[in-house]
Amino acid sequence: MNAASERIAETPQATVERVLAGATRRETPCGAGAMVWRSWGAGPPVVLLHGGDGSWRHWIRTIPALATRYRVHAPDTPGLGDSAMPPEPYTLESIAAIIARGLDEVIPPPSPIDLVGFSFGGILAGHLAALHGERIASATLVGPGGLGLRRGPVTLEKMRPEMTPEERASIQRANLA
């Protein structure tokens, strides 16, 4: 069995342990505790921000691939994973500010940073880009939801069992629009 097929056959816990074994851990201030950062590899820094209700593990399969060319930093967002709760009130701006201060410790200025954010992490990446614009080399946002854009109420049409496939497709197009 080759290394690739061995990794496919490993249990989820074994995957976490294998990836975690190659990490260095760092903590930066967060509320009454610490924000936890894990890092792998060497090269230009890339920061991976996970989705809401998650942790660095959202990137478990991405980290080994990127760590061959980059210094990958995958923090646990304040209040999630192993990071402490941020101080109240909980806002995107206050959470982004905690991450921004941590970035300055983990990747000291003026080093440029590539940001990648998934879902809630994408929204935070947008706020970090606003706070650290001069340091952000790139920002890749994967399914960030909304970035504070206002939209009016949405009225969705319901499908009924007696509809034809064409009618259903028409309603789906209208609802997605």
C-alpha atoms as a PDB file:
ATOM      1  CA  MET A   1       0.000   0.000   0.000  1.00  0.00           C
ATOM      2  CA  ASN A   2       1.420   3.425  -0.929  1.00  0.00           C
ATOM      3  CA  ALA A   3       1.334   6.528   1.305  1.00  0.00           C
ATOM      4  CA  ALA A   4      -1.690   8.053  -0.462  1.00  0.00           C
ATOM      5  CA  SER A   5      -3.825   4.937  -0.062  1.00  0.00           C
ATOM      6  CA  GLU A   6      -2.719   4.598   3.576  1.00  0.00           C
ATOM      7  CA  ARG A   7      -3.981   8.146   4.249  1.00  0.00           C
ATOM      8  CA  ILE A   8      -7.299   7.356   2.558  1.00  0.00           C
ATOM      9  CA  ALA A   9      -7.698   4.295   4.793  1.00  0.00           C
ATOM     10  CA  GLU A  10      -6.830   6.078   8.056  1.00  0.00           C
ATOM     11  CA  THR A  11      -9.518   6.954  10.584  1.00  0.00           C
ATOM     12  CA  PRO A  12     -10.597  10.594  11.028  1.00  0.00           C
ATOM     13  CA  GLN A  13      -8.890  10.670  14.432  1.00  0.00           C
ATOM     14  CA  ALA A  14      -5.663   9.331  12.906  1.00  0.00           C
ATOM     15  CA  THR A  15      -5.828  12.089  10.261  1.00  0.00           C
ATOM     16  CA  VAL A  16      -6.203  14.753  12.966  1.00  0.00           C
ATOM     17  CA  GLU A  17      -3.323  13.277  14.970  1.00  0.00           C
ATOM     18  CA  ARG A  18      -1.063  13.042  11.893  1.00  0.00           C
ATOM     19  CA  VAL A  19      -1.698  16.655  10.841  1.00  0.00           C
ATOM     20  CA  LEU A  20      -1.512  17.969  14.405  1.00  0.00           C
ATOM     21  CA  ALA A  21       1.829  16.201  14.971  1.00  0.00           C
ATOM     22  CA  GLY A  22       3.443  18.523  12.420  1.00  0.00           C
ATOM     23  CA  ALA A  23       2.046  21.728  13.941  1.00  0.00           C
ATOM     24  CA  THR A  24       3.549  24.309  16.206  1.00  0.00           C
ATOM     25  CA  ARG A  25       1.137  25.944  18.648  1.00  0.00           C
ATOM     26  CA  ARG A  26       1.082  29.585  19.614  1.00  0.00           C
ATOM     27  CA  GLU A  27      -1.286  31.645  21.751  1.00  0.00           C
ATOM     28  CA  THR A  28      -2.218  35.314  21.506  1.00  0.00           C
ATOM     29  CA  PRO A  29      -4.487  37.345  23.829  1.00  0.00           C
ATOM     30  CA  CYS A  30      -8.249  36.775  23.597  1.00  0.00           C
ATOM     31  CA  GLY A  31     -10.581  38.035  26.290  1.00  0.00           C
ATOM     32  CA  ALA A  32      -9.606  36.493  29.633  1.00  0.00           C
ATOM     33  CA  GLY A  33      -7.689  33.696  27.864  1.00  0.00           C
ATOM     34  CA  ALA A  34      -5.912  32.943  24.619  1.00  0.00           C
ATOM     35  CA  MET A  35      -6.565  32.596  20.918  1.00  0.00           C
ATOM     36  CA  VAL A  36      -4.891  29.388  19.694  1.00  0.00           C
ATOM     37  CA  TRP A  37      -2.882  29.376  16.460  1.00  0.00           C
ATOM     38  CA  ARG A  38      -1.407  26.298  14.798  1.00  0.00           C
ATOM     39  CA  SER A  39       1.231  26.548  12.084  1.00  0.00           C
ATOM     40  CA  TRP A  40       2.878  24.196   9.583  1.00  0.00           C
ATOM     41  CA  GLY A  41       5.473  24.385   6.813  1.00  0.00           C
ATOM     42  CA  ALA A  42       7.804  27.113   5.616  1.00  0.00           C
ATOM     43  CA  GLY A  43       7.535  29.873   3.058  1.00  0.00           C
ATOM     44  CA  PRO A  44       5.264  32.864   2.544  1.00  0.00           C
ATOM     45  CA  PRO A  45       2.532  33.081   5.209  1.00  0.00           C
ATOM     46  CA  VAL A  46      -1.023  32.035   4.456  1.00  0.00           C
ATOM     47  CA  VAL A  47      -3.746  32.285   7.116  1.00  0.00           C
ATOM     48  CA  LEU A  48      -6.736  29.926   6.963  1.00  0.00           C
ATOM     49  CA  LEU A  49      -9.861  31.131   8.791  1.00  0.00           C
ATOM     50  CA  HIS A  50     -12.460  28.440   9.454  1.00  0.00           C
ATOM     51  CA  GLY A  51     -16.231  28.648   9.330  1.00  0.00           C
ATOM     52  CA  GLY A  52     -18.526  29.315  12.260  1.00  0.00           C
ATOM     53  CA  ASP A  53     -19.036  26.577  14.823  1.00  0.00           C
ATOM     54  CA  GLY A  54     -15.751  24.986  13.778  1.00  0.00           C
ATOM     55  CA  SER A  55     -12.013  25.005  14.292  1.00  0.00           C
ATOM     56  CA  TRP A  56      -8.736  24.704  12.413  1.00  0.00           C
ATOM     57  CA  ARG A  57      -9.900  21.184  11.525  1.00  0.00           C
ATOM     58  CA  HIS A  58     -12.085  22.651   8.747  1.00  0.00           C
ATOM     59  CA  TRP A  59      -8.772  22.822   6.836  1.00  0.00           C
ATOM     60  CA  ILE A  60      -7.502  19.318   7.770  1.00  0.00           C
ATOM     61  CA  ARG A  61      -7.068  18.177   4.160  1.00  0.00           C
ATOM     62  CA  THR A  62      -5.865  21.560   2.861  1.00  0.00           C
ATOM     63  CA  ILE A  63      -3.087  22.130   5.391  1.00  0.00           C
ATOM     64  CA  PRO A  64      -0.702  19.329   4.281  1.00  0.00           C
ATOM     65  CA  ALA A  65      -0.961  20.386   0.626  1.00  0.00           C
ATOM     66  CA  LEU A  66      -0.313  24.082   1.340  1.00  0.00           C
ATOM     67  CA  ALA A  67       2.432  23.388   3.911  1.00  0.00           C
ATOM     68  CA  THR A  68       4.693  22.080   1.143  1.00  0.00           C
ATOM     69  CA  ARG A  69       5.044  25.671  -0.165  1.00  0.00           C
ATOM     70  CA  TYR A  70       3.755  28.015   2.539  1.00  0.00           C
ATOM     71  CA  ARG A  71       3.920  28.724   6.253  1.00  0.00           C
ATOM     72  CA  VAL A  72       0.289  27.830   7.001  1.00  0.00           C
ATOM     73  CA  HIS A  73      -1.372  29.423  10.038  1.00  0.00           C
ATOM     74  CA  ALA A  74      -4.774  28.034  11.067  1.00  0.00           C
ATOM     75  CA  PRO A  75      -6.139  29.777  14.157  1.00  0.00           C
ATOM     76  CA  ASP A  76      -9.201  28.811  16.126  1.00  0.00           C
ATOM     77  CA  THR A  77     -11.463  31.858  15.928  1.00  0.00           C
ATOM     78  CA  PRO A  78     -12.185  33.533  19.299  1.00  0.00           C
ATOM     79  CA  GLY A  79     -14.909  31.575  21.092  1.00  0.00           C
ATOM     80  CA  LEU A  80     -14.477  28.489  18.884  1.00  0.00           C
ATOM     81  CA  GLY A  81     -12.216  25.438  18.876  1.00  0.00           C
ATOM     82  CA  ASP A  82      -9.567  25.756  21.571  1.00  0.00           C
ATOM     83  CA  SER A  83      -9.694  29.576  21.731  1.00  0.00           C
ATOM     84  CA  ALA A  84     -11.137  31.478  24.667  1.00  0.00           C
ATOM     85  CA  MET A  85     -14.318  33.509  24.443  1.00  0.00           C
ATOM     86  CA  PRO A  86     -13.852  37.087  23.253  1.00  0.00           C
ATOM     87  CA  PRO A  87     -15.044  39.899  25.485  1.00  0.00           C
ATOM     88  CA  GLU A  88     -18.628  41.058  25.020  1.00  0.00           C
ATOM     89  CA  PRO A  89     -20.215  42.482  22.985  1.00  0.00           C
ATOM     90  CA  TYR A  90     -19.581  39.870  20.300  1.00  0.00           C
ATOM     91  CA  THR A  91     -19.327  41.664  16.979  1.00  0.00           C
ATOM     92  CA  LEU A  92     -17.546  40.935  13.715  1.00  0.00           C
ATOM     93  CA  GLU A  93     -15.449  44.038  14.282  1.00  0.00           C
ATOM     94  CA  SER A  94     -14.361  43.056  17.802  1.00  0.00           C
ATOM     95  CA  ILE A  95     -13.530  39.471  16.788  1.00  0.00           C
ATOM     96  CA  ALA A  96     -11.617  40.694  13.706  1.00  0.00           C
ATOM     97  CA  ALA A  97      -9.665  43.110  15.938  1.00  0.00           C
ATOM     98  CA  ILE A  98      -8.566  40.226  18.207  1.00  0.00           C
ATOM     99  CA  ILE A  99      -7.446  38.228  15.164  1.00  0.00           C
ATOM    100  CA  ALA A 100      -5.682  41.294  13.705  1.00  0.00           C
ATOM    101  CA  ARG A 101      -3.679  41.782  16.917  1.00  0.00           C
ATOM    102  CA  GLY A 102      -2.830  38.072  16.890  1.00  0.00           C
ATOM    103  CA  LEU A 103      -1.699  38.312  13.260  1.00  0.00           C
ATOM    104  CA  ASP A 104       0.775  41.025  14.230  1.00  0.00           C
ATOM    105  CA  GLU A 105       2.294  38.700  16.847  1.00  0.00           C
ATOM    106  CA  VAL A 106       2.294  35.508  14.783  1.00  0.00           C
ATOM    107  CA  ILE A 107       3.369  37.191  11.509  1.00  0.00           C
ATOM    108  CA  PRO A 108       5.185  40.397  12.487  1.00  0.00           C
ATOM    109  CA  PRO A 109       4.817  43.419  10.190  1.00  0.00           C
ATOM    110  CA  PRO A 110       5.614  44.215   7.484  1.00  0.00           C
ATOM    111  CA  SER A 111       5.363  40.653   6.128  1.00  0.00           C
ATOM    112  CA  PRO A 112       2.574  40.378   3.541  1.00  0.00           C
ATOM    113  CA  ILE A 113      -0.183  37.870   4.302  1.00  0.00           C
ATOM    114  CA  ASP A 114      -2.403  35.731   2.090  1.00  0.00           C
ATOM    115  CA  LEU A 115      -5.813  35.217   3.730  1.00  0.00           C
ATOM    116  CA  VAL A 116      -8.230  32.393   2.998  1.00  0.00           C
ATOM    117  CA  GLY A 117     -11.598  32.365   4.740  1.00  0.00           C
ATOM    118  CA  PHE A 118     -14.396  29.826   4.596  1.00  0.00           C
ATOM    119  CA  SER A 119     -17.985  30.858   5.443  1.00  0.00           C
ATOM    120  CA  PHE A 120     -17.819  32.915   8.677  1.00  0.00           C
ATOM    121  CA  GLY A 121     -14.026  32.937   8.244  1.00  0.00           C
ATOM    122  CA  GLY A 122     -14.573  34.595   4.860  1.00  0.00           C
ATOM    123  CA  ILE A 123     -16.538  37.375   6.499  1.00  0.00           C
ATOM    124  CA  LEU A 124     -13.764  37.794   9.092  1.00  0.00           C
ATOM    125  CA  ALA A 125     -11.156  37.819   6.292  1.00  0.00           C
ATOM    126  CA  GLY A 126     -13.010  40.744   4.707  1.00  0.00           C
ATOM    127  CA  HIS A 127     -12.839  42.656   7.988  1.00  0.00           C
ATOM    128  CA  LEU A 128      -9.148  41.754   8.426  1.00  0.00           C
ATOM    129  CA  ALA A 129      -8.415  43.027   4.923  1.00  0.00           C
ATOM    130  CA  ALA A 130     -10.023  46.334   5.920  1.00  0.00           C
ATOM    131  CA  LEU A 131      -7.926  46.484   9.121  1.00  0.00           C
ATOM    132  CA  HIS A 132      -4.632  45.318   7.572  1.00  0.00           C
ATOM    133  CA  GLY A 133      -5.107  46.384   3.955  1.00  0.00           C
ATOM    134  CA  GLU A 134      -1.461  47.240   3.375  1.00  0.00           C
ATOM    135  CA  ARG A 135      -0.323  43.791   4.581  1.00  0.00           C
ATOM    136  CA  ILE A 136      -2.887  41.660   2.761  1.00  0.00           C
ATOM    137  CA  ALA A 137      -1.324  40.244  -0.417  1.00  0.00           C
ATOM    138  CA  SER A 138      -4.514  38.358  -1.313  1.00  0.00           C
ATOM    139  CA  ALA A 139      -7.848  37.426   0.185  1.00  0.00           C
ATOM    140  CA  THR A 140      -9.696  34.325  -0.979  1.00  0.00           C
ATOM    141  CA  LEU A 141     -13.242  34.155   0.357  1.00  0.00           C
ATOM    142  CA  VAL A 142     -15.000  30.797   0.066  1.00  0.00           C
ATOM    143  CA  GLY A 143     -18.775  31.042   0.611  1.00  0.00           C
ATOM    144  CA  PRO A 144     -18.594  34.053   2.939  1.00  0.00           C
ATOM    145  CA  GLY A 145     -22.347  34.634   3.094  1.00  0.00           C
ATOM    146  CA  GLY A 146     -22.872  38.338   3.605  1.00  0.00           C
ATOM    147  CA  LEU A 147     -20.365  41.071   4.241  1.00  0.00           C
ATOM    148  CA  GLY A 148     -22.810  43.422   5.905  1.00  0.00           C
ATOM    149  CA  LEU A 149     -24.734  44.080   2.712  1.00  0.00           C
ATOM    150  CA  ARG A 150     -28.377  44.953   3.294  1.00  0.00           C
ATOM    151  CA  ARG A 151     -31.122  43.262   1.341  1.00  0.00           C
ATOM    152  CA  GLY A 152     -34.855  43.404   1.535  1.00  0.00           C
ATOM    153  CA  PRO A 153     -37.218  40.596   2.409  1.00  0.00           C
ATOM    154  CA  VAL A 154     -37.274  37.627   0.064  1.00  0.00           C
ATOM    155  CA  THR A 155     -40.479  35.915  -1.000  1.00  0.00           C
ATOM    156  CA  LEU A 156     -39.936  32.330  -2.121  1.00  0.00           C
ATOM    157  CA  GLU A 157     -42.393  30.370  -4.215  1.00  0.00           C
ATOM    158  CA  LYS A 158     -43.341  26.914  -2.969  1.00  0.00           C
ATOM    159  CA  MET A 159     -43.379  23.845  -5.122  1.00  0.00           C
ATOM    160  CA  ARG A 160     -46.418  21.602  -5.135  1.00  0.00           C
ATOM    161  CA  PRO A 161     -46.407  17.837  -5.766  1.00  0.00           C
ATOM    162  CA  GLU A 162     -48.575  18.151  -8.868  1.00  0.00           C
ATOM    163  CA  MET A 163     -46.125  20.481 -10.679  1.00  0.00           C
ATOM    164  CA  THR A 164     -44.348  19.371 -13.820  1.00  0.00           C
ATOM    165  CA  PRO A 165     -40.538  19.175 -13.874  1.00  0.00           C
ATOM    166  CA  GLU A 166     -40.507  22.319 -16.025  1.00  0.00           C
ATOM    167  CA  GLU A 167     -42.654  24.222 -13.501  1.00  0.00           C
ATOM    168  CA  ARG A 168     -40.409  23.068 -10.657  1.00  0.00           C
ATOM    169  CA  ALA A 169     -37.284  24.162 -12.563  1.00  0.00           C
ATOM    170  CA  SER A 170     -38.857  27.568 -13.216  1.00  0.00           C
ATOM    171  CA  ILE A 171     -39.634  28.059  -9.516  1.00  0.00           C
ATOM    172  CA  GLN A 172     -36.139  26.924  -8.505  1.00  0.00           C
ATOM    173  CA  ARG A 173     -34.588  29.473 -10.928  1.00  0.00           C
ATOM    174  CA  ALA A 174     -36.820  32.235  -9.556  1.00  0.00           C
ATOM    175  CA  ASN A 175     -36.066  31.335  -5.917  1.00  0.00           C
ATOM    176  CA  LEU A 176     -32.312  31.199  -6.544  1.00  0.00           C
ATOM    177  CA  ALA A 177     -32.405  34.565  -8.310  1.00  0.00           C
END
